[in-house]
C-alpha cells in the first residue's frame, strides 16, 4: 500500500500541486494575445514570437519522458523541487529579458526544462498523498481540469497584464507563485520508487529527444518555407542547400525525426529484451487506455492551442484588437472550459463512462471549429465568434476532466511517473503542433491566396504582378492593414486599395482554412477516442491501491 498524507493536509497539498500545474500550462497560451506587443518590444516578427511559443511546449515534450525517469532515479519530490528551481530561474530571466534571444532562453528553454521535471513528479505525488479511490480520482480530475482551465483563461490573464501593467509582470507573478510553493513543500509526502532504482538510458534519451525536436522543428519551419514545396531558398551558414521550388525542409526534417523515433523504439525493445533499463517501458502502450488516451490528449491540445493562436492572430491583425480586447474575445472559450470542467468532473463522471464523455467532447469541438471557419470570412467583430469559441472550450474542458484520470487509473502506482511522462509528452506535442501547424497553414494559405488575387487583379501590370508575387512569397508575414498601408504609401491610390483588399481577403481565407483543419483534427480525436476501453464511470469502480485493473482492452476493462 502507498502511504498517503493525513486527510487534513490533502486539501493544501492539492492546492499546491494545482498551482504548479496552473502556471506551467497557462504559459502556453497567455502570450498569444500579446503578439503585436511582443513583436514591437523585441523588433521581431509574428513568426519569431510564434516560434518562442512553440519552443516552450516543444522543450517540455522533448524532455518530459526523461524528466519522469530522472524522478524515478533521484526521487519524485526531489525532481519536483529541482524542476521548480529551474522554472523559477527561467521566469525571472523572461521577466527581465532585453531581447528575443534572452526571452527564448528564459521562457522557452529554462521554463520548459523545469516543467518537464515537475509535471511527471506531480502525478506521482498525487499517488503518494491521496488514498486510492474517490480521493485520488478527485485529485486526478482536478489536476486534469486545471490544465484545461489554465489553457482557456491564459489569454485573459495575458491580455490584462499586457494592457494594464506589462507582460513582464505576468512572468514575475509566476515567480511569486513558485516562491509560495517552495514554502509549502514540507506538507507534500514523497512518492518512493518501488523496487530497484533504474539507470538513466542515455541512448533512448538522445534518440527520443532528437526525434521529437526534429519533427516539431520541421513543422515550425513550414511558416517560413512552406509545408511541401519551399517558397524561398533555404540557407545554412550562408550556403544555399535547397532552392525555391524544391522540397520543403519541413518534409526533410519531419522524415528525419520520424526515423529517429523508429530507431528509438527499436533500441528500447532491444534493451528490454536484454534486461537493460529503458527510458520508456513500451509495454505501457499495450494498454488501450494509454495508447488511445495519449492520442486523445495530443489531438485535444492541438485543437485547443491552435484555435487560440489562430483567433488571437486574426483579431489582432484583421480587427486591430489590443491585448485585452483579444483576451476578452477568447473569454467565451475560457468560461466554457471552466463550466465544462466543473460539470463533467462532478456530474458526467458519476453517470457516464469516460469514453462516452470524451466522444461527446470531440463532437462538440468539431462543431465549434467548423462554425469558426464559416464565420471567419464575414466576421466584423470578435463577438461573431462567441458560439464557436464556447463550443470548442466546452468540448476541450469535457475531455480534460476525463482522459488523464482514465489513463492514470489503468496503470499500477509504481508506473505512475512513467505514465505521467507519456501523458504530458503527448499534451505538449499537441500544444506545439497546434501553434506550429496553425501558423504554417495560415501563412501557406495566405501566400497562395494573395498571389492568386494579385495575378487576377487588373490594376497591376504583368511586371508589377511578378514583383508583388515575389515579395509576398519571400517575405510572407501576416500584417495588419495599417502596417501594410505604411509599407505601400508610395504606390498609386488605386493600387494601395487593391493591395489592402487582397491582404484582408487572404487573411480571412487563411483563418477559414485553418479552422477547417482544426475541425479535421477534432475528427481524428473522435476516431482515437473510439479505441478507448469501455469502462464504467470513473467514480463508481475504485481499485485498491497497488493493484491495476484488467488490461485486456475489451469491454471488461475497469478503471480506478
Protein backbone atom coordinates (compact mmCIF):
# COMPACT_ATOMS: atom_id res chain seq x y z
CA UNK A 1 0.00 0.00 0.00
CA UNK A 2 1.23 3.51 -0.83
CA UNK A 3 1.43 5.71 2.27
CA UNK A 4 -0.66 8.86 1.92
CA UNK A 5 -0.77 12.19 3.66
CA UNK A 6 -3.15 12.79 6.54
CA UNK A 7 -6.61 13.83 5.30
CA UNK A 8 -6.36 17.23 6.98
CA UNK A 9 -3.40 18.13 4.80
CA UNK A 10 -4.56 16.72 1.48
CA UNK A 11 -6.55 19.84 0.64
CA UNK A 12 -3.45 22.02 1.00
CA UNK A 13 -1.35 19.52 -0.93
CA UNK A 14 -3.83 19.57 -3.80
CA UNK A 15 -3.81 23.39 -3.88
CA UNK A 16 0.00 23.40 -4.13
CA UNK A 17 0.04 20.82 -6.92
CA UNK A 18 -2.74 22.58 -8.84
CA UNK A 19 -0.94 25.92 -8.56
CA UNK A 20 2.18 24.36 -10.08
CA UNK A 21 0.11 22.82 -12.88
CA UNK A 22 -1.64 26.14 -13.47
CA UNK A 23 1.47 28.28 -14.01
CA UNK A 24 3.02 25.67 -16.30
CA UNK A 25 0.00 25.33 -18.58
CA UNK A 26 -1.01 28.99 -18.58
CA UNK A 27 2.43 29.75 -20.03
CA UNK A 28 1.48 28.00 -23.27
CA UNK A 29 -1.40 30.37 -24.11
CA UNK A 30 -1.19 33.67 -22.25
CA UNK A 31 1.25 35.35 -24.65
CA UNK A 32 -0.87 34.65 -27.74
CA UNK A 33 -2.89 37.83 -27.15
CA UNK A 34 0.35 39.84 -26.77
CA UNK A 35 1.72 39.01 -30.21
CA UNK A 36 1.71 42.56 -31.54
CA UNK A 37 3.18 43.96 -28.30
CA UNK A 38 5.99 41.38 -28.23
CA UNK A 39 6.71 41.94 -31.93
CA UNK A 40 7.13 45.67 -31.23
CA UNK A 41 9.08 45.26 -27.98
CA UNK A 42 11.63 42.87 -29.48
CA UNK A 43 11.59 44.37 -33.00
CA UNK A 44 10.85 40.96 -34.49
CA UNK A 45 8.08 39.24 -36.49
CA UNK A 46 4.95 37.27 -35.67
CA UNK A 47 6.82 34.15 -36.78
CA UNK A 48 9.58 34.87 -34.23
CA UNK A 49 7.08 35.06 -31.37
CA UNK A 50 5.19 32.03 -32.70
CA UNK A 51 8.45 30.07 -32.61
CA UNK A 52 9.05 31.10 -28.99
CA UNK A 53 5.56 29.90 -28.03
CA UNK A 54 6.04 26.63 -29.90
CA UNK A 55 9.51 26.05 -28.48
CA UNK A 56 8.22 26.26 -24.88
CA UNK A 57 5.89 23.31 -25.34
CA UNK A 58 8.40 21.55 -27.60
CA UNK A 59 11.09 21.58 -24.89
CA UNK A 60 8.58 20.11 -22.45
CA UNK A 61 7.57 17.44 -24.95
CA UNK A 62 11.15 16.51 -25.79
CA UNK A 63 12.33 16.18 -22.18
CA UNK A 64 9.18 15.05 -20.36
CA UNK A 65 9.88 11.30 -20.53
CA UNK A 66 13.47 11.92 -19.45
CA UNK A 67 12.16 14.09 -16.60
CA UNK A 68 9.93 11.23 -15.46
CA UNK A 69 12.89 8.83 -15.46
CA UNK A 70 15.04 11.29 -13.51
CA UNK A 71 12.25 11.37 -10.91
CA UNK A 72 12.45 7.59 -10.61
CA UNK A 73 16.21 7.84 -10.04
CA UNK A 74 16.60 10.81 -7.66
CA UNK A 75 13.12 10.75 -6.10
CA UNK A 76 9.87 12.32 -7.23
CA UNK A 77 9.77 15.12 -4.66
CA UNK A 78 13.41 15.98 -5.27
CA UNK A 79 12.75 16.09 -9.03
CA UNK A 80 9.79 18.39 -8.40
CA UNK A 81 11.93 20.75 -6.30
CA UNK A 82 14.75 20.74 -8.88
CA UNK A 83 12.28 21.46 -11.67
CA UNK A 84 10.65 24.25 -9.67
CA UNK A 85 14.07 25.83 -9.12
CA UNK A 86 14.91 25.78 -12.84
CA UNK A 87 11.44 27.07 -13.68
CA UNK A 88 11.80 29.96 -11.22
CA UNK A 89 15.15 30.94 -12.73
CA UNK A 90 13.59 30.82 -16.19
CA UNK A 91 10.60 33.01 -15.36
CA UNK A 92 12.91 35.55 -13.70
CA UNK A 93 15.10 35.77 -16.80
CA UNK A 94 12.00 36.05 -19.01
CA UNK A 95 10.58 38.94 -17.00
CA UNK A 96 13.87 40.83 -17.40
CA UNK A 97 14.68 39.78 -20.98
CA UNK A 98 16.02 42.63 -23.17
CA UNK A 99 15.97 40.69 -26.46
CA UNK A 100 14.03 37.89 -28.13
CA UNK A 101 17.01 35.55 -27.67
CA UNK A 102 17.06 36.05 -23.90
CA UNK A 103 13.26 35.76 -23.84
CA UNK A 104 13.51 32.36 -25.57
CA UNK A 105 16.27 31.25 -23.19
CA UNK A 106 14.23 32.08 -20.10
CA UNK A 107 10.74 31.12 -21.23
CA UNK A 108 11.06 28.50 -23.93
CA UNK A 109 14.12 26.66 -22.67
CA UNK A 110 14.56 27.05 -18.89
CA UNK A 111 10.85 27.15 -18.02
CA UNK A 112 10.26 24.27 -20.43
CA UNK A 113 13.02 22.18 -18.81
CA UNK A 114 11.74 22.96 -15.32
CA UNK A 115 8.21 21.96 -16.29
CA UNK A 116 9.49 18.71 -17.81
CA UNK A 117 10.91 17.78 -14.40
CA UNK A 118 7.89 18.93 -12.40
CA UNK A 119 4.88 17.53 -14.25
CA UNK A 120 5.64 13.77 -14.08
CA UNK A 121 6.67 14.09 -10.44
CA UNK A 122 3.42 15.87 -9.60
CA UNK A 123 1.32 12.99 -10.92
CA UNK A 124 3.28 10.54 -8.75
CA UNK A 125 2.95 12.83 -5.74
CA UNK A 126 -0.81 12.62 -6.14
CA UNK A 127 -0.50 8.84 -5.71
CA UNK A 128 1.53 9.20 -2.50
CA UNK A 129 -0.65 11.95 -0.99
CA UNK A 130 -4.16 10.73 -1.83
CA UNK A 131 -5.68 7.36 -0.97
CA UNK A 132 -6.83 5.15 -3.83
CA UNK A 133 -10.49 5.56 -4.67
CA UNK A 134 -12.62 8.72 -4.69
CA UNK A 135 -9.95 10.96 -3.09
CA UNK A 136 -7.32 10.10 -5.69
CA UNK A 137 -9.84 10.18 -8.54
CA UNK A 138 -10.92 13.66 -7.43
CA UNK A 139 -7.28 14.83 -7.31
CA UNK A 140 -6.61 13.46 -10.81
CA UNK A 141 -9.78 15.10 -12.12
CA UNK A 142 -8.75 18.41 -10.58
CA UNK A 143 -5.24 18.10 -12.00
CA UNK A 144 -6.62 17.48 -15.49
CA UNK A 145 -9.32 20.14 -15.22
CA UNK A 146 -6.90 22.85 -14.07
CA UNK A 147 -4.83 22.22 -17.21
CA UNK A 148 -7.82 22.91 -19.42
CA UNK A 149 -8.83 25.90 -17.30
CA UNK A 150 -5.30 27.37 -17.43
CA UNK A 151 -5.11 26.96 -21.20
CA UNK A 152 -8.52 28.57 -21.54
CA UNK A 153 -8.05 31.61 -19.29
CA UNK A 154 -4.41 32.17 -20.22
CA UNK A 155 -5.39 34.72 -22.91
CA UNK A 156 -7.44 36.70 -20.37
CA UNK A 157 -4.52 36.84 -17.95
CA UNK A 158 -2.11 37.80 -20.72
CA UNK A 159 -4.45 40.48 -22.01
CA UNK A 160 -4.95 42.06 -18.59
CA UNK A 161 -1.25 42.17 -17.77
CA UNK A 162 -0.19 43.40 -21.22
CA UNK A 163 -2.85 46.11 -21.49
CA UNK A 164 -2.87 47.49 -17.95
CA UNK A 165 0.52 46.55 -16.49
CA UNK A 166 3.19 44.74 -18.50
CA UNK A 167 3.63 41.27 -19.94
CA UNK A 168 6.85 41.17 -17.91
CA UNK A 169 4.84 41.33 -14.69
CA UNK A 170 2.87 38.29 -15.84
CA UNK A 171 6.07 36.27 -15.65
CA UNK A 172 7.10 37.97 -12.41
CA UNK A 173 3.78 36.90 -10.87
CA UNK A 174 4.63 33.29 -11.76
CA UNK A 175 7.79 33.67 -9.70
CA UNK A 176 5.68 34.74 -6.72
CA UNK A 177 3.53 31.61 -7.11
CA UNK A 178 6.66 29.46 -7.33
CA UNK A 179 8.07 31.06 -4.16
CA UNK A 180 4.81 30.27 -2.35
CA UNK A 181 5.05 26.64 -3.49
CA UNK A 182 8.58 26.49 -2.05
CA UNK A 183 7.17 27.45 1.36
CA UNK A 184 4.66 24.56 1.23
CA UNK A 185 6.99 21.73 0.22
CA UNK A 186 7.15 20.27 3.72
CA UNK A 187 3.49 19.19 3.64
CA UNK A 188 3.98 17.07 0.48
CA UNK A 189 4.79 13.43 1.15
CA UNK A 190 7.34 11.93 -1.24
CA UNK A 191 6.43 9.12 -3.64
CA UNK A 192 9.07 6.41 -3.15
CA UNK A 193 10.06 4.36 -6.17
CA UNK A 194 9.23 0.70 -5.55
CA UNK A 195 11.97 -1.73 -6.46
CA UNK A 196 15.48 -1.19 -7.82
CA UNK A 197 16.19 2.33 -8.96
CA UNK A 198 16.81 2.32 -12.73
CA UNK A 199 19.83 3.70 -14.53
CA UNK A 200 19.39 6.52 -16.99
CA UNK A 201 19.07 5.40 -20.61
CA UNK A 202 21.19 7.94 -22.49
CA UNK A 203 20.74 6.30 -25.88
CA UNK A 204 16.97 6.38 -25.53
CA UNK A 205 17.06 9.97 -24.29
CA UNK A 206 19.15 11.20 -27.22
CA UNK A 207 17.06 9.36 -29.82
CA UNK A 208 13.66 10.36 -28.42
CA UNK A 209 14.63 14.00 -27.87
CA UNK A 210 16.23 14.27 -31.30
CA UNK A 211 13.16 12.73 -32.92
CA UNK A 212 10.60 14.93 -31.19
CA UNK A 213 12.61 18.13 -31.62
CA UNK A 214 13.29 17.46 -35.30
CA UNK A 215 9.66 16.67 -36.12
CA UNK A 216 8.25 19.80 -34.47
CA UNK A 217 11.13 21.99 -35.71
CA UNK A 218 10.32 20.84 -39.23
CA UNK A 219 6.70 21.89 -38.81
CA UNK A 220 7.76 25.24 -37.31
CA UNK A 221 9.89 25.94 -40.40
CA UNK A 222 6.85 25.45 -42.61
CA UNK A 223 5.80 29.00 -41.72
CA UNK A 224 8.96 30.39 -43.32
CA UNK A 225 9.46 27.93 -46.18
CA UNK A 226 6.20 26.11 -46.91
CA UNK A 227 4.67 22.76 -45.96
CA UNK A 228 5.65 20.70 -49.02
CA UNK A 229 7.48 22.91 -51.54
CA UNK A 230 9.99 25.56 -50.46
CA UNK A 231 8.81 29.07 -51.28
CA UNK A 232 12.29 30.56 -50.98
CA UNK A 233 15.91 29.41 -50.95
CA UNK A 234 16.99 27.57 -47.80
CA UNK A 235 20.37 28.74 -46.49
CA UNK A 236 22.56 27.09 -43.86
CA UNK A 237 25.65 29.02 -42.73
CA UNK A 238 25.37 31.27 -45.76
CA UNK A 239 25.15 28.40 -48.24
CA UNK A 240 22.02 27.64 -50.26
CA UNK A 241 21.14 23.99 -49.60
CA UNK A 242 17.67 23.99 -51.18
CA UNK A 243 16.43 26.35 -53.87
CA UNK A 244 12.92 27.74 -54.17
CA UNK A 245 10.62 25.20 -55.78
CA UNK A 246 12.43 22.19 -54.31
CA UNK A 247 11.15 20.04 -51.46
CA UNK A 248 10.49 21.97 -48.27
CA UNK A 249 12.83 21.50 -45.28
CA UNK A 250 9.64 20.59 -43.37
CA UNK A 251 9.32 17.32 -45.29
CA UNK A 252 13.01 16.52 -44.80
CA UNK A 253 13.13 17.28 -41.07
CA UNK A 254 9.85 15.52 -40.26
CA UNK A 255 11.09 12.43 -42.12
CA UNK A 256 14.40 12.50 -40.24
CA UNK A 257 12.58 12.98 -36.93
CA UNK A 258 10.28 10.04 -37.57
CA UNK A 259 13.34 7.93 -38.43
CA UNK A 260 14.91 8.88 -35.08
CA UNK A 261 11.71 7.82 -33.30
CA UNK A 262 11.58 4.49 -35.14
CA UNK A 263 15.20 3.80 -34.14
CA UNK A 264 14.29 4.82 -30.56
CA UNK A 265 11.52 2.20 -30.46
CA UNK A 266 13.84 -0.48 -31.84
CA UNK A 267 16.58 0.38 -29.35
CA UNK A 268 14.16 0.38 -26.40
CA UNK A 269 12.81 -3.03 -27.44
CA UNK A 270 16.33 -4.40 -27.73
CA UNK A 271 17.35 -3.05 -24.32
CA UNK A 272 14.21 -4.53 -22.79
CA UNK A 273 14.93 -7.96 -24.30
CA UNK A 274 18.42 -7.84 -22.81
CA UNK A 275 17.04 -6.72 -19.41
CA UNK A 276 18.66 -3.29 -19.58
CA UNK A 277 16.99 -0.21 -18.14
CA UNK A 278 14.96 1.72 -20.69
CA UNK A 279 13.90 5.36 -20.89
CA UNK A 280 10.33 4.28 -21.56
CA UNK A 281 8.58 0.98 -20.91
CA UNK A 282 6.88 0.45 -24.27
CA UNK A 283 4.58 -2.19 -22.78
CA UNK A 284 2.57 0.74 -21.36
CA UNK A 285 1.14 1.16 -24.84
CA UNK A 286 -0.31 -2.34 -24.74
CA UNK A 287 -2.99 -0.79 -22.52
CA UNK A 288 -5.69 0.70 -24.70
CA UNK A 289 -6.32 3.41 -22.12
CA UNK A 290 -2.71 4.55 -22.57
CA UNK A 291 -2.28 4.12 -26.33
CA UNK A 292 -5.63 5.67 -27.25
CA UNK A 293 -5.61 8.14 -24.35
CA UNK A 294 -2.29 9.71 -25.36
CA UNK A 295 -3.63 10.24 -28.89
CA UNK A 296 -6.73 11.85 -27.40
CA UNK A 297 -4.53 14.11 -25.25
CA UNK A 298 -2.40 15.18 -28.21
CA UNK A 299 -5.31 15.99 -30.52
CA UNK A 300 -7.32 17.76 -27.83
CA UNK A 301 -4.47 20.18 -27.11
CA UNK A 302 -3.62 20.56 -30.78
CA UNK A 303 -7.13 21.86 -31.45
CA UNK A 304 -7.27 24.00 -28.31
CA UNK A 305 -3.93 25.79 -28.72
CA UNK A 306 -4.34 26.04 -32.50
CA UNK A 307 -7.73 27.70 -32.03
CA UNK A 308 -6.37 30.18 -29.50
CA UNK A 309 -3.33 31.10 -31.62
CA UNK A 310 -5.27 31.42 -34.90
CA UNK A 311 -8.01 33.62 -33.49
CA UNK A 312 -5.56 35.75 -31.47
CA UNK A 313 -3.58 36.40 -34.65
CA UNK A 314 -6.76 37.15 -36.62
CA UNK A 315 -8.31 39.69 -34.24
CA UNK A 316 -5.01 41.50 -33.70
CA UNK A 317 -4.09 41.72 -37.38
CA UNK A 318 -7.54 41.80 -39.01
CA UNK A 319 -9.53 43.77 -36.42
CA UNK A 320 -6.61 45.69 -34.83
CA UNK A 321 -7.54 44.48 -31.33
CA UNK A 322 -5.37 45.25 -28.33
CA UNK A 323 -4.13 42.55 -25.99
CA UNK A 324 -7.06 42.97 -23.59
CA UNK A 325 -9.57 43.06 -26.45
CA UNK A 326 -8.03 39.86 -27.80
CA UNK A 327 -8.26 38.25 -24.38
CA UNK A 328 -11.89 39.28 -23.98
CA UNK A 329 -12.65 37.86 -27.43
CA UNK A 330 -11.46 34.49 -26.13
CA UNK A 331 -13.49 34.83 -22.91
CA UNK A 332 -16.31 32.54 -24.16
CA UNK A 333 -13.75 29.76 -24.63
CA UNK A 334 -12.32 30.36 -21.16
CA UNK A 335 -15.72 30.36 -19.45
CA UNK A 336 -16.80 27.27 -21.37
CA UNK A 337 -13.68 25.39 -20.26
CA UNK A 338 -14.37 26.36 -16.63
CA UNK A 339 -18.01 25.32 -16.86
CA UNK A 340 -17.42 22.03 -18.64
CA UNK A 341 -14.53 21.01 -16.37
CA UNK A 342 -16.79 21.54 -13.34
CA UNK A 343 -19.87 19.88 -14.82
CA UNK A 344 -18.01 16.99 -16.41
CA UNK A 345 -15.91 16.28 -13.34
CA UNK A 346 -18.79 16.37 -10.85
CA UNK A 347 -21.80 15.25 -12.89
CA UNK A 348 -20.80 13.37 -16.02
CA UNK A 349 -18.15 11.31 -14.19
CA UNK A 350 -20.81 9.80 -11.95
CA UNK A 351 -23.30 8.95 -14.68
CA UNK A 352 -21.42 8.25 -17.89
CA UNK A 353 -18.41 6.20 -18.95
CA UNK A 354 -15.27 8.25 -19.70
CA UNK A 355 -15.22 7.02 -23.30
CA UNK A 356 -18.73 8.36 -23.91
CA UNK A 357 -17.94 11.72 -22.34
CA UNK A 358 -14.72 12.09 -24.37
CA UNK A 359 -16.51 11.18 -27.62
CA UNK A 360 -19.13 13.83 -26.86
CA UNK A 361 -16.37 16.35 -26.16
CA UNK A 362 -14.75 15.80 -29.55
CA UNK A 363 -18.12 16.01 -31.33
CA UNK A 364 -18.65 19.42 -29.70
CA UNK A 365 -15.13 20.55 -30.64
CA UNK A 366 -15.63 19.60 -34.30
CA UNK A 367 -18.90 21.54 -34.43
CA UNK A 368 -17.28 24.60 -32.82
CA UNK A 369 -14.19 24.59 -35.08
CA UNK A 370 -16.33 24.20 -38.21
CA UNK A 371 -18.52 27.10 -37.10
CA UNK A 372 -15.42 29.27 -36.52
CA UNK A 373 -14.24 28.58 -40.05
CA UNK A 374 -17.60 29.52 -41.55
CA UNK A 375 -17.72 32.77 -39.57
CA UNK A 376 -14.17 33.88 -40.41
CA UNK A 377 -14.86 35.19 -43.92
CA UNK A 378 -17.54 37.69 -42.90
CA UNK A 379 -16.70 38.46 -39.27
CA UNK A 380 -16.51 42.15 -38.40
CA UNK A 381 -16.14 41.76 -34.62
CA UNK A 382 -14.78 39.30 -32.12
CA UNK A 383 -18.31 38.81 -30.82
CA UNK A 384 -19.14 36.96 -34.04
CA UNK A 385 -17.08 34.03 -32.74
CA UNK A 386 -18.80 33.65 -29.35
CA UNK A 387 -20.75 30.46 -30.09
CA UNK A 388 -17.91 28.70 -31.93
CA UNK A 389 -15.40 29.54 -29.19
CA UNK A 390 -17.80 28.38 -26.47
CA UNK A 391 -18.27 25.04 -28.23
CA UNK A 392 -14.50 24.47 -28.64
CA UNK A 393 -13.93 25.39 -24.98
CA UNK A 394 -16.76 23.24 -23.66
CA UNK A 395 -15.59 20.24 -25.65
CA UNK A 396 -11.97 20.65 -24.54
CA UNK A 397 -12.92 21.02 -20.88
CA UNK A 398 -15.14 17.95 -21.05
CA UNK A 399 -12.29 15.83 -22.42
CA UNK A 400 -9.74 17.22 -19.94
CA UNK A 401 -11.84 16.19 -16.95
CA UNK A 402 -11.88 12.53 -18.02
CA UNK A 403 -8.88 11.47 -20.07
CA UNK A 404 -5.94 11.81 -17.66
CA UNK A 405 -7.87 10.11 -14.87
CA UNK A 406 -8.75 7.24 -17.20
CA UNK A 407 -5.11 6.77 -18.24
CA UNK A 408 -3.63 7.01 -14.75
CA UNK A 409 -6.28 4.67 -13.34
CA UNK A 410 -5.24 1.98 -15.80
CA UNK A 411 -1.63 1.66 -14.55
CA UNK A 412 -0.10 0.44 -11.31
CA UNK A 413 1.02 3.14 -8.84
CA UNK A 414 4.71 2.28 -9.32
CA UNK A 415 4.36 3.14 -13.02
CA UNK A 416 2.55 6.42 -12.40
CA UNK A 417 5.63 8.59 -13.03
CA UNK A 418 6.29 6.96 -16.40
CA UNK A 419 2.62 7.12 -17.40
CA UNK A 420 2.56 10.77 -16.38
CA UNK A 421 5.58 11.45 -18.57
CA UNK A 422 3.77 9.89 -21.53
CA UNK A 423 0.59 11.90 -20.88
CA UNK A 424 2.41 15.21 -20.57
CA UNK A 425 4.62 14.47 -23.56
CA UNK A 426 1.58 13.91 -25.75
CA UNK A 427 -0.10 17.01 -24.31
CA UNK A 428 2.87 19.23 -25.09
CA UNK A 429 3.46 17.73 -28.52
CA UNK A 430 -0.18 18.58 -29.21
CA UNK A 431 0.28 22.14 -27.93
CA UNK A 432 3.47 22.55 -30.01
CA UNK A 433 1.83 21.18 -33.14
CA UNK A 434 -1.29 23.27 -32.57
CA UNK A 435 0.63 26.54 -32.66
CA UNK A 436 3.11 25.41 -35.32
CA UNK A 437 0.57 23.88 -37.70
CA UNK A 438 -1.86 26.78 -37.31
CA UNK A 439 0.90 29.28 -38.09
CA UNK A 440 2.24 27.24 -41.01
CA UNK A 441 -1.18 26.65 -42.53
CA UNK A 442 -2.19 30.30 -42.16
CA UNK A 443 0.93 31.54 -43.95
CA UNK A 444 0.79 28.88 -46.67
CA UNK A 445 -2.85 29.65 -47.48
CA UNK A 446 -2.17 33.38 -47.21
CA UNK A 447 0.60 33.19 -49.81
CA UNK A 448 -1.42 31.04 -52.20
CA UNK A 449 -4.49 33.25 -51.89
CA UNK A 450 -2.64 36.57 -52.09
CA UNK A 451 -0.57 35.63 -55.15
CA UNK A 452 -3.67 34.28 -56.90
CA UNK A 453 -5.56 37.52 -56.22
CA UNK A 454 -2.62 39.63 -57.36
CA UNK A 455 -2.39 37.69 -60.62
CA UNK A 456 -6.14 38.17 -61.23
CA UNK A 457 -6.08 41.90 -60.46
CA UNK A 458 -6.34 44.37 -63.34
CA UNK A 459 -4.73 47.31 -61.53
CA UNK A 460 -1.22 45.84 -61.77
CA UNK A 461 0.92 45.34 -64.86
CA UNK A 462 2.47 41.92 -65.55
CA UNK A 463 5.84 43.07 -64.21
CA UNK A 464 4.23 44.55 -61.10
CA UNK A 465 2.33 41.31 -60.52
CA UNK A 466 5.58 39.34 -60.73
CA UNK A 467 7.30 41.70 -58.28
CA UNK A 468 4.43 41.56 -55.81
CA UNK A 469 4.21 37.76 -56.08
CA UNK A 470 7.91 37.54 -55.26
CA UNK A 471 7.57 39.97 -52.33
CA UNK A 472 4.60 38.06 -50.85
CA UNK A 473 6.32 34.70 -51.30
CA UNK A 474 9.75 35.65 -49.97
CA UNK A 475 8.56 37.88 -47.11
CA UNK A 476 5.40 36.04 -46.12
CA UNK A 477 4.05 37.62 -42.95
CA UNK A 478 0.61 38.25 -41.54
CA UNK A 479 0.38 42.02 -41.07
CA UNK A 480 -2.45 44.43 -40.35
CA UNK A 481 -3.94 46.76 -42.96
CA UNK A 482 -2.39 49.68 -41.07
CA UNK A 483 1.08 48.15 -41.27
CA UNK A 484 0.57 47.43 -44.96
CA UNK A 485 -0.65 50.99 -45.65
CA UNK A 486 2.57 52.37 -44.20
CA UNK A 487 4.70 49.99 -46.27
CA UNK A 488 2.99 50.81 -49.60
CA UNK A 489 2.44 54.55 -49.11
CA UNK A 490 4.43 55.29 -52.26
CA UNK A 491 2.09 53.36 -54.58
CA UNK A 492 -0.80 54.96 -56.52
CA UNK A 493 -4.06 55.14 -54.53
CA UNK A 494 -5.82 52.56 -56.73
CA UNK A 495 -3.05 50.02 -56.20
CA UNK A 496 -2.93 50.72 -52.45
CA UNK A 497 -6.66 49.99 -52.18
CA UNK A 498 -6.24 46.78 -54.18
CA UNK A 499 -3.33 45.53 -52.04
CA UNK A 500 -5.16 46.27 -48.78
CA UNK A 501 -8.22 44.41 -50.05
CA UNK A 502 -6.08 41.45 -51.17
CA UNK A 503 -4.30 41.39 -47.80
CA UNK A 504 -7.61 41.33 -45.91
CA UNK A 505 -9.18 38.67 -48.13
CA UNK A 506 -6.11 36.42 -47.92
CA UNK A 507 -6.12 36.69 -44.10
CA UNK A 508 -9.79 35.79 -43.92
CA UNK A 509 -9.34 32.80 -46.22
CA UNK A 510 -6.37 31.65 -44.13
CA UNK A 511 -8.43 31.58 -40.94
CA UNK A 512 -11.27 29.74 -42.68
CA UNK A 513 -8.90 27.02 -43.87
CA UNK A 514 -7.04 26.69 -40.56
CA UNK A 515 -10.28 26.14 -38.65
CA UNK A 516 -11.34 23.55 -41.21
CA UNK A 517 -8.02 21.84 -40.46
CA UNK A 518 -8.67 22.04 -36.73
CA UNK A 519 -12.13 20.52 -37.24
CA UNK A 520 -10.41 17.66 -39.10
CA UNK A 521 -8.03 17.21 -36.15
CA UNK A 522 -11.09 17.02 -33.91
CA UNK A 523 -12.50 14.24 -36.10
CA UNK A 524 -9.20 12.38 -35.74
CA UNK A 525 -9.53 12.80 -31.98
CA UNK A 526 -13.02 11.32 -32.15
CA UNK A 527 -11.57 8.34 -34.01
CA UNK A 528 -8.83 7.92 -31.39
CA UNK A 529 -11.44 8.06 -28.59
CA UNK A 530 -13.34 5.18 -30.20
CA UNK A 531 -10.36 2.97 -29.25
CA UNK A 532 -10.62 3.81 -25.55
CA UNK A 533 -11.72 0.89 -23.36
CA UNK A 534 -15.37 0.72 -22.33
CA UNK A 535 -15.18 1.35 -18.60
CA UNK A 536 -17.82 2.25 -16.01
CA UNK A 537 -17.95 5.81 -14.66
CA UNK A 538 -14.62 6.54 -13.01
CA UNK A 539 -16.08 7.26 -9.59
CA UNK A 540 -18.09 4.04 -9.48
CA UNK A 541 -15.38 1.39 -9.66
CA UNK A 542 -12.48 2.14 -7.30
CA UNK A 543 -9.45 -0.11 -7.49
CA UNK A 544 -7.40 -0.87 -4.36
CA UNK A 545 -4.04 0.84 -4.09
CA UNK A 546 -1.19 -1.14 -5.53
CA UNK A 547 -3.44 -3.01 -7.95
CA UNK A 548 -4.24 -2.31 -11.57
CA UNK A 549 -7.44 -3.07 -13.39
CA UNK A 550 -7.66 -5.73 -16.10
CA UNK A 551 -5.54 -4.81 -19.08
CA UNK A 552 -7.09 -6.80 -21.89
CA UNK A 553 -8.57 -3.74 -23.59
CA UNK A 554 -12.05 -5.20 -24.08
CA UNK A 555 -15.37 -4.29 -22.54
CA UNK A 556 -14.40 -5.94 -19.26
CA UNK A 557 -11.74 -3.27 -18.62
CA UNK A 558 -12.31 -1.25 -15.47
CA UNK A 559 -10.85 1.97 -14.13
CA UNK A 560 -9.95 3.06 -10.67
